[in-house]
Amino acid sequence: MGNAGPDYVGTVADYFVKQRGRGSMLSPADLAIVAAWERDGVPLNVVLRGIAAAFRRNPAIRSVAGCRAAVTAELKRTRTL
């Protein structure tokens, strides 16, 4: 189960904006993706590691959608440990 609560979305949003290096807010579409991760029980640490991995591969990511595959891969990786 994920880290449910109001801090989940805020923590992910803050981390993504920090990684992106510009802007201060997520779009409604980005927030919907983050909310879905929370609803689906994706652990917060998995989401943050996935975002970090996505930015290591492509520092020019502009939206959370650009991190989806990396978050999914990180979730699969942690489930096989």
N, C-alpha and C. Protein backbone atom coordinates (compact mmCIF):
# COMPACT_ATOMS: atom_id res chain seq x y z
N MET A 1 0.85 -1.18 0.00
CA MET A 1 0.00 0.00 0.00
C MET A 1 0.88 1.23 0.00
N GLY A 2 0.47 2.29 -0.65
CA GLY A 2 1.23 3.53 -0.75
C GLY A 2 1.10 4.37 0.49
N ASN A 3 1.80 5.47 0.51
CA ASN A 3 1.71 6.41 1.61
C ASN A 3 0.57 7.37 1.33
N ALA A 4 -0.64 6.98 1.71
CA ALA A 4 -1.83 7.79 1.40
C ALA A 4 -1.83 9.06 2.23
N GLY A 5 -2.52 10.06 1.72
CA GLY A 5 -2.68 11.30 2.45
C GLY A 5 -2.28 12.50 1.63
N PRO A 6 -2.58 13.67 2.15
CA PRO A 6 -2.33 14.90 1.39
C PRO A 6 -0.86 15.14 1.10
N ASP A 7 0.04 14.57 1.88
CA ASP A 7 1.47 14.80 1.65
C ASP A 7 1.99 14.04 0.43
N TYR A 8 1.31 12.98 0.03
CA TYR A 8 1.76 12.17 -1.11
C TYR A 8 1.84 13.04 -2.37
N VAL A 9 0.73 13.65 -2.73
CA VAL A 9 0.68 14.46 -3.95
C VAL A 9 1.65 15.65 -3.84
N GLY A 10 1.65 16.30 -2.70
CA GLY A 10 2.55 17.44 -2.52
C GLY A 10 4.01 17.07 -2.59
N THR A 11 4.36 15.94 -1.99
CA THR A 11 5.74 15.48 -2.01
C THR A 11 6.19 15.15 -3.43
N VAL A 12 5.32 14.42 -4.16
CA VAL A 12 5.66 14.08 -5.54
C VAL A 12 5.76 15.34 -6.39
N ALA A 13 4.82 16.25 -6.23
CA ALA A 13 4.83 17.50 -7.00
C ALA A 13 6.11 18.30 -6.73
N ASP A 14 6.45 18.45 -5.46
CA ASP A 14 7.67 19.20 -5.11
C ASP A 14 8.91 18.54 -5.69
N TYR A 15 8.99 17.22 -5.60
CA TYR A 15 10.15 16.50 -6.10
C TYR A 15 10.25 16.63 -7.61
N PHE A 16 9.13 16.47 -8.31
CA PHE A 16 9.14 16.58 -9.76
C PHE A 16 9.58 17.98 -10.20
N VAL A 17 9.02 19.00 -9.58
CA VAL A 17 9.37 20.38 -9.95
C VAL A 17 10.86 20.63 -9.69
N LYS A 18 11.37 20.11 -8.58
CA LYS A 18 12.80 20.25 -8.28
C LYS A 18 13.65 19.57 -9.35
N GLN A 19 13.26 18.37 -9.75
CA GLN A 19 14.00 17.65 -10.79
C GLN A 19 13.94 18.39 -12.13
N ARG A 20 12.77 18.92 -12.44
CA ARG A 20 12.57 19.64 -13.70
C ARG A 20 13.38 20.94 -13.73
N GLY A 21 13.52 21.56 -12.56
CA GLY A 21 14.35 22.76 -12.45
C GLY A 21 13.66 24.05 -12.86
N ARG A 22 12.37 24.01 -13.10
CA ARG A 22 11.65 25.24 -13.42
C ARG A 22 10.17 25.04 -13.11
N GLY A 23 9.48 26.16 -13.02
CA GLY A 23 8.06 26.11 -12.69
C GLY A 23 7.86 25.82 -11.23
N SER A 24 6.62 25.99 -10.79
CA SER A 24 6.35 25.75 -9.39
C SER A 24 5.13 24.89 -9.15
N MET A 25 4.46 24.51 -10.24
CA MET A 25 3.24 23.73 -10.08
C MET A 25 3.14 22.66 -11.17
N LEU A 26 2.32 21.67 -10.88
CA LEU A 26 2.02 20.65 -11.88
C LEU A 26 0.72 20.99 -12.58
N SER A 27 0.60 20.52 -13.80
CA SER A 27 -0.63 20.72 -14.56
C SER A 27 -1.72 19.81 -13.99
N PRO A 28 -2.98 20.09 -14.31
CA PRO A 28 -4.04 19.18 -13.88
C PRO A 28 -3.82 17.75 -14.37
N ALA A 29 -3.32 17.57 -15.57
CA ALA A 29 -3.05 16.22 -16.08
C ALA A 29 -1.95 15.54 -15.26
N ASP A 30 -0.91 16.29 -14.90
CA ASP A 30 0.15 15.73 -14.05
C ASP A 30 -0.40 15.33 -12.69
N LEU A 31 -1.22 16.19 -12.11
CA LEU A 31 -1.80 15.90 -10.80
C LEU A 31 -2.69 14.66 -10.86
N ALA A 32 -3.39 14.47 -11.96
CA ALA A 32 -4.23 13.28 -12.12
C ALA A 32 -3.39 12.01 -12.13
N ILE A 33 -2.23 12.05 -12.77
CA ILE A 33 -1.33 10.89 -12.80
C ILE A 33 -0.84 10.58 -11.39
N VAL A 34 -0.42 11.61 -10.67
CA VAL A 34 0.06 11.41 -9.30
C VAL A 34 -1.06 10.87 -8.42
N ALA A 35 -2.25 11.42 -8.57
CA ALA A 35 -3.39 10.94 -7.78
C ALA A 35 -3.70 9.47 -8.09
N ALA A 36 -3.54 9.07 -9.35
CA ALA A 36 -3.76 7.67 -9.73
C ALA A 36 -2.72 6.77 -9.07
N TRP A 37 -1.46 7.21 -9.04
CA TRP A 37 -0.43 6.42 -8.36
C TRP A 37 -0.80 6.23 -6.89
N GLU A 38 -1.25 7.31 -6.27
CA GLU A 38 -1.63 7.22 -4.86
C GLU A 38 -2.83 6.27 -4.71
N ARG A 39 -3.84 6.45 -5.52
CA ARG A 39 -5.04 5.61 -5.46
C ARG A 39 -4.69 4.13 -5.68
N ASP A 40 -3.74 3.88 -6.58
CA ASP A 40 -3.35 2.50 -6.89
C ASP A 40 -2.37 1.91 -5.87
N GLY A 41 -2.00 2.71 -4.88
CA GLY A 41 -1.13 2.21 -3.81
C GLY A 41 0.34 2.12 -4.16
N VAL A 42 0.77 2.89 -5.15
CA VAL A 42 2.20 2.89 -5.48
C VAL A 42 2.94 3.61 -4.36
N PRO A 43 3.87 2.95 -3.70
CA PRO A 43 4.58 3.58 -2.58
C PRO A 43 5.30 4.86 -3.01
N LEU A 44 5.29 5.83 -2.14
CA LEU A 44 5.90 7.12 -2.43
C LEU A 44 7.37 6.99 -2.82
N ASN A 45 8.11 6.15 -2.10
CA ASN A 45 9.54 6.01 -2.41
C ASN A 45 9.75 5.44 -3.81
N VAL A 46 8.84 4.58 -4.26
CA VAL A 46 8.93 4.01 -5.61
C VAL A 46 8.70 5.11 -6.66
N VAL A 47 7.72 5.94 -6.43
CA VAL A 47 7.44 7.05 -7.35
C VAL A 47 8.63 7.98 -7.44
N LEU A 48 9.21 8.33 -6.30
CA LEU A 48 10.35 9.26 -6.30
C LEU A 48 11.56 8.65 -7.00
N ARG A 49 11.82 7.37 -6.76
CA ARG A 49 12.94 6.71 -7.46
C ARG A 49 12.68 6.64 -8.96
N GLY A 50 11.44 6.38 -9.34
CA GLY A 50 11.10 6.34 -10.75
C GLY A 50 11.28 7.68 -11.43
N ILE A 51 10.86 8.74 -10.76
CA ILE A 51 11.05 10.10 -11.31
C ILE A 51 12.53 10.40 -11.46
N ALA A 52 13.31 10.07 -10.45
CA ALA A 52 14.76 10.31 -10.53
C ALA A 52 15.38 9.55 -11.70
N ALA A 53 14.96 8.30 -11.88
CA ALA A 53 15.49 7.49 -12.99
C ALA A 53 15.10 8.10 -14.33
N ALA A 54 13.87 8.57 -14.43
CA ALA A 54 13.40 9.18 -15.69
C ALA A 54 14.24 10.41 -16.03
N PHE A 55 14.53 11.23 -15.04
CA PHE A 55 15.33 12.43 -15.30
C PHE A 55 16.79 12.11 -15.58
N ARG A 56 17.29 11.01 -15.03
CA ARG A 56 18.66 10.61 -15.37
C ARG A 56 18.73 10.23 -16.85
N ARG A 57 17.70 9.57 -17.34
CA ARG A 57 17.66 9.17 -18.75
C ARG A 57 17.37 10.35 -19.68
N ASN A 58 16.53 11.27 -19.23
CA ASN A 58 16.12 12.38 -20.08
C ASN A 58 15.88 13.63 -19.23
N PRO A 59 16.89 14.48 -19.06
CA PRO A 59 16.75 15.67 -18.23
C PRO A 59 15.76 16.70 -18.78
N ALA A 60 15.29 16.51 -20.00
CA ALA A 60 14.38 17.49 -20.61
C ALA A 60 12.90 17.14 -20.42
N ILE A 61 12.58 16.23 -19.52
CA ILE A 61 11.18 15.86 -19.27
C ILE A 61 10.41 17.11 -18.84
N ARG A 62 9.22 17.26 -19.41
CA ARG A 62 8.41 18.44 -19.10
C ARG A 62 7.17 18.13 -18.28
N SER A 63 6.75 16.85 -18.26
CA SER A 63 5.54 16.52 -17.52
C SER A 63 5.71 15.19 -16.80
N VAL A 64 4.85 14.97 -15.83
CA VAL A 64 4.88 13.73 -15.07
C VAL A 64 4.64 12.53 -15.99
N ALA A 65 3.89 12.74 -17.05
CA ALA A 65 3.65 11.66 -18.01
C ALA A 65 4.96 11.09 -18.54
N GLY A 66 5.97 11.92 -18.63
CA GLY A 66 7.28 11.47 -19.10
C GLY A 66 7.99 10.56 -18.11
N CYS A 67 7.44 10.43 -16.92
CA CYS A 67 8.04 9.59 -15.88
C CYS A 67 7.26 8.29 -15.67
N ARG A 68 6.11 8.16 -16.32
CA ARG A 68 5.25 6.99 -16.09
C ARG A 68 5.97 5.66 -16.28
N ALA A 69 6.65 5.51 -17.39
CA ALA A 69 7.32 4.23 -17.68
C ALA A 69 8.37 3.92 -16.62
N ALA A 70 9.12 4.93 -16.20
CA ALA A 70 10.16 4.70 -15.20
C ALA A 70 9.55 4.34 -13.84
N VAL A 71 8.44 4.96 -13.49
CA VAL A 71 7.77 4.62 -12.23
C VAL A 71 7.24 3.19 -12.30
N THR A 72 6.65 2.82 -13.42
CA THR A 72 6.14 1.46 -13.60
C THR A 72 7.28 0.45 -13.51
N ALA A 73 8.41 0.75 -14.15
CA ALA A 73 9.57 -0.14 -14.10
C ALA A 73 10.09 -0.28 -12.68
N GLU A 74 10.13 0.82 -11.96
CA GLU A 74 10.61 0.79 -10.57
C GLU A 74 9.66 -0.03 -9.70
N LEU A 75 8.36 0.10 -9.93
CA LEU A 75 7.38 -0.67 -9.18
C LEU A 75 7.56 -2.16 -9.45
N LYS A 76 7.74 -2.52 -10.70
CA LYS A 76 7.95 -3.93 -11.05
C LYS A 76 9.23 -4.46 -10.41
N ARG A 77 10.27 -3.63 -10.45
CA ARG A 77 11.56 -4.03 -9.88
C ARG A 77 11.42 -4.28 -8.39
N THR A 78 10.73 -3.42 -7.67
CA THR A 78 10.61 -3.58 -6.23
C THR A 78 9.73 -4.76 -5.85
N ARG A 79 8.80 -5.12 -6.72
CA ARG A 79 7.92 -6.26 -6.46
C ARG A 79 8.64 -7.59 -6.67
N THR A 80 9.75 -7.56 -7.40
CA THR A 80 10.49 -8.81 -7.63
C THR A 80 11.61 -9.00 -6.63
N LEU A 81 11.83 -8.03 -5.78
CA LEU A 81 12.91 -8.16 -4.78
C LEU A 81 12.50 -9.07 -3.64
